[in-house]
Amino acid sequence: MARRRKETAPEDLLETRKRIVATAHRLFMELGYRAVSTRVIADACGLTQPALYHHFADKQELYLEVIREILAKNGEALERIRQSGEPLEERLRRAAAYLLLHAPPNMNVMFHDMRHELDEASRASVHEWFRQGFVGPLAALFGEGQREGRLKSREEGGADPFSSAFLLLSISRSMLNTDLEREAGEGEQELREKTASERAALIVNILLHGMVRRTGESAG
């Protein structure tokens, strides 16, 4: 009688899948989509390619899961900030500081890969995840500020919530954590967080209050 194959426990399959995604994340962010093959990922995980294909049909499917996980994780963090109940300006500062500290490294590489390596349907999925994960919570914050009368409406010369969210993302992206890494060496997390907090306060202050001195304000 043939011996029955030992079945892999569901929790082992889940752990293997997590290991594949984490390894692929690191390699894709370091080297870019085109330079990383499924063989390289499988070898780095200590797996055969057939074992990797048990979890993901091809490299694009795995890359999409990496991007989905990145955007979902950031979206959950931004949503927690949005729902924290703190004053609006403080929540915006915390959101900007989070983006400075936790936005994916090598975002330019990631955006290039999404434009040039993914098919149209996959790009559409990524854009929707980005809208839900990054833009949605920030736009909700700005919308809340407008409804409460704290921020100008579009009719009053303000921006709509989604434009405001993209503006905050753009400014934060221009000050991303490469500079923070240079100013604060490896392991100096407290200094990195302090630097990010100071930059976030500057970003939000300029975004909400501008740079023009109001009539009657002292030049200090």
C-alpha atoms as a PDB file:
ATOM      1  CA  MET A   1       0.000   0.000   0.000  1.00  0.00           C
ATOM      2  CA  ALA A   2       1.329   3.439  -0.946  1.00  0.00           C
ATOM      3  CA  ARG A   3       2.184   5.684   1.925  1.00  0.00           C
ATOM      4  CA  ARG A   4      -0.020   8.745   2.302  1.00  0.00           C
ATOM      5  CA  ARG A   5       1.698  12.106   1.938  1.00  0.00           C
ATOM      6  CA  LYS A   6       1.789  14.101   5.123  1.00  0.00           C
ATOM      7  CA  GLU A   7      -0.501  17.092   4.747  1.00  0.00           C
ATOM      8  CA  THR A   8       0.901  20.527   5.519  1.00  0.00           C
ATOM      9  CA  ALA A   9      -0.914  22.228   8.374  1.00  0.00           C
ATOM     10  CA  PRO A  10      -2.822  25.395   7.419  1.00  0.00           C
ATOM     11  CA  GLU A  11      -0.778  27.450   9.886  1.00  0.00           C
ATOM     12  CA  ASP A  12       2.444  26.236   8.254  1.00  0.00           C
ATOM     13  CA  LEU A  13       1.120  27.251   4.844  1.00  0.00           C
ATOM     14  CA  LEU A  14       0.220  30.669   6.226  1.00  0.00           C
ATOM     15  CA  GLU A  15       3.678  31.141   7.743  1.00  0.00           C
ATOM     16  CA  THR A  16       5.314  30.108   4.479  1.00  0.00           C
ATOM     17  CA  ARG A  17       3.159  32.569   2.556  1.00  0.00           C
ATOM     18  CA  LYS A  18       4.090  35.356   4.986  1.00  0.00           C
ATOM     19  CA  ARG A  19       7.782  34.493   4.598  1.00  0.00           C
ATOM     20  CA  ILE A  20       7.502  34.593   0.811  1.00  0.00           C
ATOM     21  CA  VAL A  21       5.779  38.000   0.870  1.00  0.00           C
ATOM     22  CA  ALA A  22       8.257  39.479   3.368  1.00  0.00           C
ATOM     23  CA  THR A  23      11.244  38.220   1.366  1.00  0.00           C
ATOM     24  CA  ALA A  24       9.776  39.417  -1.931  1.00  0.00           C
ATOM     25  CA  HIS A  25       9.041  42.806  -0.345  1.00  0.00           C
ATOM     26  CA  ARG A  26      12.672  43.234   0.640  1.00  0.00           C
ATOM     27  CA  LEU A  27      14.045  42.115  -2.732  1.00  0.00           C
ATOM     28  CA  PHE A  28      11.589  44.112  -4.852  1.00  0.00           C
ATOM     29  CA  MET A  29      12.263  47.295  -2.855  1.00  0.00           C
ATOM     30  CA  GLU A  30      16.044  46.805  -2.999  1.00  0.00           C
ATOM     31  CA  LEU A  31      16.444  45.669  -6.599  1.00  0.00           C
ATOM     32  CA  GLY A  32      13.265  46.522  -8.486  1.00  0.00           C
ATOM     33  CA  TYR A  33      10.712  44.275 -10.139  1.00  0.00           C
ATOM     34  CA  ARG A  34      12.630  43.328 -13.264  1.00  0.00           C
ATOM     35  CA  ALA A  35      15.831  42.290 -11.471  1.00  0.00           C
ATOM     36  CA  VAL A  36      14.078  39.832  -9.146  1.00  0.00           C
ATOM     37  CA  SER A  37      12.970  36.416 -10.407  1.00  0.00           C
ATOM     38  CA  THR A  38      10.772  33.884  -8.669  1.00  0.00           C
ATOM     39  CA  ARG A  39      13.851  31.620  -8.461  1.00  0.00           C
ATOM     40  CA  VAL A  40      15.745  34.314  -6.550  1.00  0.00           C
ATOM     41  CA  ILE A  41      12.801  34.760  -4.172  1.00  0.00           C
ATOM     42  CA  ALA A  42      12.369  31.005  -3.700  1.00  0.00           C
ATOM     43  CA  ASP A  43      16.085  30.532  -2.995  1.00  0.00           C
ATOM     44  CA  ALA A  44      16.058  33.389  -0.479  1.00  0.00           C
ATOM     45  CA  CYS A  45      13.105  31.698   1.273  1.00  0.00           C
ATOM     46  CA  GLY A  46      14.720  28.268   1.248  1.00  0.00           C
ATOM     47  CA  LEU A  47      11.991  26.943  -1.061  1.00  0.00           C
ATOM     48  CA  THR A  48      11.766  25.369  -4.478  1.00  0.00           C
ATOM     49  CA  GLN A  49      10.052  27.285  -7.257  1.00  0.00           C
ATOM     50  CA  PRO A  50       7.154  24.770  -7.357  1.00  0.00           C
ATOM     51  CA  ALA A  51       6.632  25.370  -3.626  1.00  0.00           C
ATOM     52  CA  LEU A  52       6.487  29.125  -4.243  1.00  0.00           C
ATOM     53  CA  TYR A  53       4.056  28.622  -7.130  1.00  0.00           C
ATOM     54  CA  HIS A  54       1.790  26.738  -4.734  1.00  0.00           C
ATOM     55  CA  HIS A  55       1.152  30.125  -3.107  1.00  0.00           C
ATOM     56  CA  PHE A  56       1.481  32.538  -6.056  1.00  0.00           C
ATOM     57  CA  ALA A  57       0.840  31.819  -9.729  1.00  0.00           C
ATOM     58  CA  ASP A  58       3.607  34.107 -11.003  1.00  0.00           C
ATOM     59  CA  LYS A  59       5.874  37.032 -10.143  1.00  0.00           C
ATOM     60  CA  GLN A  60       3.270  39.677 -10.916  1.00  0.00           C
ATOM     61  CA  GLU A  61       0.746  38.117  -8.536  1.00  0.00           C
ATOM     62  CA  LEU A  62       3.381  38.070  -5.797  1.00  0.00           C
ATOM     63  CA  TYR A  63       4.382  41.676  -6.501  1.00  0.00           C
ATOM     64  CA  LEU A  64       0.751  42.746  -6.303  1.00  0.00           C
ATOM     65  CA  GLU A  65       0.415  41.060  -2.917  1.00  0.00           C
ATOM     66  CA  VAL A  66       3.515  42.912  -1.682  1.00  0.00           C
ATOM     67  CA  ILE A  67       2.052  46.251  -2.802  1.00  0.00           C
ATOM     68  CA  ARG A  68      -1.399  45.431  -1.417  1.00  0.00           C
ATOM     69  CA  GLU A  69       0.094  44.555   1.961  1.00  0.00           C
ATOM     70  CA  ILE A  70       2.192  47.763   2.082  1.00  0.00           C
ATOM     71  CA  LEU A  71      -0.782  49.958   1.248  1.00  0.00           C
ATOM     72  CA  ALA A  72      -3.146  48.111   3.595  1.00  0.00           C
ATOM     73  CA  LYS A  73      -0.731  48.412   6.528  1.00  0.00           C
ATOM     74  CA  ASN A  74      -0.274  52.135   5.968  1.00  0.00           C
ATOM     75  CA  GLY A  75      -3.996  52.638   5.478  1.00  0.00           C
ATOM     76  CA  GLU A  76      -4.813  50.928   8.772  1.00  0.00           C
ATOM     77  CA  ALA A  77      -2.314  53.132  10.617  1.00  0.00           C
ATOM     78  CA  LEU A  78      -3.645  56.337   9.046  1.00  0.00           C
ATOM     79  CA  GLU A  79      -7.214  55.281   9.803  1.00  0.00           C
ATOM     80  CA  ARG A  80      -6.311  54.757  13.472  1.00  0.00           C
ATOM     81  CA  ILE A  81      -4.877  58.279  13.553  1.00  0.00           C
ATOM     82  CA  ARG A  82      -8.024  59.638  11.900  1.00  0.00           C
ATOM     83  CA  GLN A  83     -10.248  58.004  14.505  1.00  0.00           C
ATOM     84  CA  SER A  84      -8.089  58.940  17.515  1.00  0.00           C
ATOM     85  CA  GLY A  85     -10.364  61.813  18.560  1.00  0.00           C
ATOM     86  CA  GLU A  86      -7.501  64.307  18.846  1.00  0.00           C
ATOM     87  CA  PRO A  87      -7.794  67.852  17.460  1.00  0.00           C
ATOM     88  CA  LEU A  88      -7.717  68.032  13.676  1.00  0.00           C
ATOM     89  CA  GLU A  89      -4.331  69.742  13.392  1.00  0.00           C
ATOM     90  CA  GLU A  90      -2.703  67.217  15.733  1.00  0.00           C
ATOM     91  CA  ARG A  91      -4.084  64.307  13.722  1.00  0.00           C
ATOM     92  CA  LEU A  92      -2.743  65.847  10.524  1.00  0.00           C
ATOM     93  CA  ARG A  93       0.679  66.290  12.155  1.00  0.00           C
ATOM     94  CA  ARG A  94       0.652  62.685  13.322  1.00  0.00           C
ATOM     95  CA  ALA A  95      -0.363  61.511   9.845  1.00  0.00           C
ATOM     96  CA  ALA A  96       2.440  63.500   8.213  1.00  0.00           C
ATOM     97  CA  ALA A  97       4.976  62.187  10.736  1.00  0.00           C
ATOM     98  CA  TYR A  98       3.789  58.637  10.055  1.00  0.00           C
ATOM     99  CA  LEU A  99       4.260  59.146   6.317  1.00  0.00           C
ATOM    100  CA  LEU A 100       7.771  60.499   6.863  1.00  0.00           C
ATOM    101  CA  LEU A 101       8.753  57.523   9.000  1.00  0.00           C
ATOM    102  CA  HIS A 102       6.853  54.641   7.442  1.00  0.00           C
ATOM    103  CA  ALA A 103       6.149  55.357   3.771  1.00  0.00           C
ATOM    104  CA  PRO A 104       7.791  52.642   1.638  1.00  0.00           C
ATOM    105  CA  PRO A 105      11.473  53.192   0.885  1.00  0.00           C
ATOM    106  CA  ASN A 106      12.454  53.498  -2.775  1.00  0.00           C
ATOM    107  CA  MET A 107       8.998  54.747  -3.712  1.00  0.00           C
ATOM    108  CA  ASN A 108      10.331  56.047  -7.033  1.00  0.00           C
ATOM    109  CA  VAL A 109      11.416  52.517  -7.944  1.00  0.00           C
ATOM    110  CA  MET A 110       8.026  51.170  -6.886  1.00  0.00           C
ATOM    111  CA  PHE A 111       6.108  53.734  -8.950  1.00  0.00           C
ATOM    112  CA  HIS A 112       8.341  53.071 -11.969  1.00  0.00           C
ATOM    113  CA  ASP A 113       7.712  49.351 -11.712  1.00  0.00           C
ATOM    114  CA  MET A 114       3.972  49.836 -11.409  1.00  0.00           C
ATOM    115  CA  ARG A 115       3.907  52.005 -14.552  1.00  0.00           C
ATOM    116  CA  HIS A 116       6.151  49.842 -16.707  1.00  0.00           C
ATOM    117  CA  GLU A 117       5.898  46.269 -15.458  1.00  0.00           C
ATOM    118  CA  LEU A 118       2.241  45.713 -14.551  1.00  0.00           C
ATOM    119  CA  ASP A 119      -0.656  45.143 -16.907  1.00  0.00           C
ATOM    120  CA  GLU A 120      -3.542  47.605 -17.056  1.00  0.00           C
ATOM    121  CA  ALA A 121      -5.850  45.622 -14.765  1.00  0.00           C
ATOM    122  CA  SER A 122      -3.129  45.299 -12.133  1.00  0.00           C
ATOM    123  CA  ARG A 123      -2.330  49.013 -12.283  1.00  0.00           C
ATOM    124  CA  ALA A 124      -6.009  49.767 -11.765  1.00  0.00           C
ATOM    125  CA  SER A 125      -6.028  47.540  -8.672  1.00  0.00           C
ATOM    126  CA  VAL A 126      -2.966  49.271  -7.252  1.00  0.00           C
ATOM    127  CA  HIS A 127      -4.449  52.718  -7.844  1.00  0.00           C
ATOM    128  CA  GLU A 128      -7.606  51.673  -5.984  1.00  0.00           C
ATOM    129  CA  TRP A 129      -5.575  50.276  -3.059  1.00  0.00           C
ATOM    130  CA  PHE A 130      -3.558  53.486  -2.947  1.00  0.00           C
ATOM    131  CA  ARG A 131      -6.743  55.543  -2.937  1.00  0.00           C
ATOM    132  CA  GLN A 132      -8.188  53.476  -0.103  1.00  0.00           C
ATOM    133  CA  GLY A 133      -4.997  53.101   1.912  1.00  0.00           C
ATOM    134  CA  PHE A 134      -3.267  56.455   1.648  1.00  0.00           C
ATOM    135  CA  VAL A 135      -5.653  58.988   0.190  1.00  0.00           C
ATOM    136  CA  GLY A 136      -8.945  57.925   1.799  1.00  0.00           C
ATOM    137  CA  PRO A 137      -8.066  58.461   5.491  1.00  0.00           C
ATOM    138  CA  LEU A 138      -6.358  61.794   4.763  1.00  0.00           C
ATOM    139  CA  ALA A 139      -9.234  63.031   2.603  1.00  0.00           C
ATOM    140  CA  ALA A 140     -11.648  62.055   5.386  1.00  0.00           C
ATOM    141  CA  LEU A 141      -9.640  64.196   7.815  1.00  0.00           C
ATOM    142  CA  PHE A 142      -9.762  67.232   5.543  1.00  0.00           C
ATOM    143  CA  GLY A 143     -13.458  66.651   4.859  1.00  0.00           C
ATOM    144  CA  GLU A 144     -14.134  66.548   8.578  1.00  0.00           C
ATOM    145  CA  GLY A 145     -12.320  69.863   9.002  1.00  0.00           C
ATOM    146  CA  GLN A 146     -14.454  71.453   6.303  1.00  0.00           C
ATOM    147  CA  ARG A 147     -17.709  70.137   7.748  1.00  0.00           C
ATOM    148  CA  GLU A 148     -16.780  71.527  11.174  1.00  0.00           C
ATOM    149  CA  GLY A 149     -15.917  74.903   9.662  1.00  0.00           C
ATOM    150  CA  ARG A 150     -12.266  74.597  10.655  1.00  0.00           C
ATOM    151  CA  LEU A 151     -11.058  74.581   7.043  1.00  0.00           C
ATOM    152  CA  LYS A 152     -12.168  76.590   4.039  1.00  0.00           C
ATOM    153  CA  SER A 153     -14.555  74.901   1.665  1.00  0.00           C
ATOM    154  CA  ARG A 154     -13.854  74.840  -2.043  1.00  0.00           C
ATOM    155  CA  GLU A 155     -16.351  77.663  -2.511  1.00  0.00           C
ATOM    156  CA  GLU A 156     -14.414  79.751   0.008  1.00  0.00           C
ATOM    157  CA  GLY A 157     -11.136  79.289  -1.812  1.00  0.00           C
ATOM    158  CA  GLY A 158     -10.049  76.035  -0.177  1.00  0.00           C
ATOM    159  CA  ALA A 159      -9.289  72.731  -1.857  1.00  0.00           C
ATOM    160  CA  ASP A 160     -11.534  69.696  -1.998  1.00  0.00           C
ATOM    161  CA  PRO A 161     -10.590  66.940   0.502  1.00  0.00           C
ATOM    162  CA  PHE A 162      -8.963  64.644  -2.039  1.00  0.00           C
ATOM    163  CA  SER A 163      -6.811  67.438  -3.514  1.00  0.00           C
ATOM    164  CA  SER A 164      -5.766  68.379   0.024  1.00  0.00           C
ATOM    165  CA  ALA A 165      -4.858  64.758   0.747  1.00  0.00           C
ATOM    166  CA  PHE A 166      -2.732  64.503  -2.409  1.00  0.00           C
ATOM    167  CA  LEU A 167      -1.024  67.786  -1.504  1.00  0.00           C
ATOM    168  CA  LEU A 168      -0.105  66.499   1.966  1.00  0.00           C
ATOM    169  CA  LEU A 169       1.173  63.261   0.441  1.00  0.00           C
ATOM    170  CA  SER A 170       3.229  65.125  -2.156  1.00  0.00           C
ATOM    171  CA  ILE A 171       4.895  67.429   0.370  1.00  0.00           C
ATOM    172  CA  SER A 172       5.596  64.536   2.723  1.00  0.00           C
ATOM    173  CA  ARG A 173       7.016  62.451  -0.115  1.00  0.00           C
ATOM    174  CA  SER A 174       9.436  65.247  -0.993  1.00  0.00           C
ATOM    175  CA  MET A 175      10.817  65.081   2.566  1.00  0.00           C
ATOM    176  CA  LEU A 176      10.878  61.301   2.887  1.00  0.00           C
ATOM    177  CA  ASN A 177      12.966  59.279   5.295  1.00  0.00           C
ATOM    178  CA  THR A 178      16.192  59.141   3.272  1.00  0.00           C
ATOM    179  CA  ASP A 179      17.106  62.459   4.895  1.00  0.00           C
ATOM    180  CA  LEU A 180      15.960  61.157   8.257  1.00  0.00           C
ATOM    181  CA  GLU A 181      18.294  58.187   7.901  1.00  0.00           C
ATOM    182  CA  ARG A 182      21.193  60.486   7.050  1.00  0.00           C
ATOM    183  CA  GLU A 183      20.554  62.816   9.966  1.00  0.00           C
ATOM    184  CA  ALA A 184      19.906  60.025  12.454  1.00  0.00           C
ATOM    185  CA  GLY A 185      22.202  57.033  12.301  1.00  0.00           C
ATOM    186  CA  GLU A 186      21.151  53.434  12.478  1.00  0.00           C
ATOM    187  CA  GLY A 187      19.469  52.616  15.769  1.00  0.00           C
ATOM    188  CA  GLU A 188      18.755  56.233  16.679  1.00  0.00           C
ATOM    189  CA  GLN A 189      15.005  55.802  16.432  1.00  0.00           C
ATOM    190  CA  GLU A 190      14.222  58.501  18.973  1.00  0.00           C
ATOM    191  CA  LEU A 191      16.078  61.128  16.940  1.00  0.00           C
ATOM    192  CA  ARG A 192      14.408  59.973  13.724  1.00  0.00           C
ATOM    193  CA  GLU A 193      10.986  60.285  15.339  1.00  0.00           C
ATOM    194  CA  LYS A 194      11.833  63.753  16.711  1.00  0.00           C
ATOM    195  CA  THR A 195      13.026  64.924  13.287  1.00  0.00           C
ATOM    196  CA  ALA A 196       9.922  63.506  11.590  1.00  0.00           C
ATOM    197  CA  SER A 197       7.664  65.185  14.159  1.00  0.00           C
ATOM    198  CA  GLU A 198       9.330  68.568  13.597  1.00  0.00           C
ATOM    199  CA  ARG A 199       9.048  68.269   9.823  1.00  0.00           C
ATOM    200  CA  ALA A 200       5.440  67.119  10.075  1.00  0.00           C
ATOM    201  CA  ALA A 201       4.606  70.178  12.187  1.00  0.00           C
ATOM    202  CA  LEU A 202       6.221  72.404   9.530  1.00  0.00           C
ATOM    203  CA  ILE A 203       4.333  70.690   6.703  1.00  0.00           C
ATOM    204  CA  VAL A 204       0.943  70.981   8.403  1.00  0.00           C
ATOM    205  CA  ASN A 205       1.552  74.528   9.617  1.00  0.00           C
ATOM    206  CA  ILE A 206       2.356  75.736   6.100  1.00  0.00           C
ATOM    207  CA  LEU A 207      -0.460  73.695   4.569  1.00  0.00           C
ATOM    208  CA  LEU A 208      -3.096  75.010   6.963  1.00  0.00           C
ATOM    209  CA  HIS A 209      -1.831  78.502   7.765  1.00  0.00           C
ATOM    210  CA  GLY A 210       0.371  79.428   4.822  1.00  0.00           C
ATOM    211  CA  MET A 211       3.534  81.502   4.788  1.00  0.00           C
ATOM    212  CA  VAL A 212       2.075  84.978   4.369  1.00  0.00           C
ATOM    213  CA  ARG A 213       2.114  87.123   7.502  1.00  0.00           C
ATOM    214  CA  ARG A 214      -1.352  88.343   8.393  1.00  0.00           C
ATOM    215  CA  THR A 215      -2.043  92.031   8.953  1.00  0.00           C
ATOM    216  CA  GLY A 216      -1.072  93.056  12.456  1.00  0.00           C
ATOM    217  CA  GLU A 217       1.241  90.068  13.061  1.00  0.00           C
ATOM    218  CA  SER A 218       4.643  90.933  14.472  1.00  0.00           C
ATOM    219  CA  ALA A 219       7.750  90.192  12.424  1.00  0.00           C
ATOM    220  CA  GLY A 220       9.129  88.863  15.683  1.00  0.00           C
END
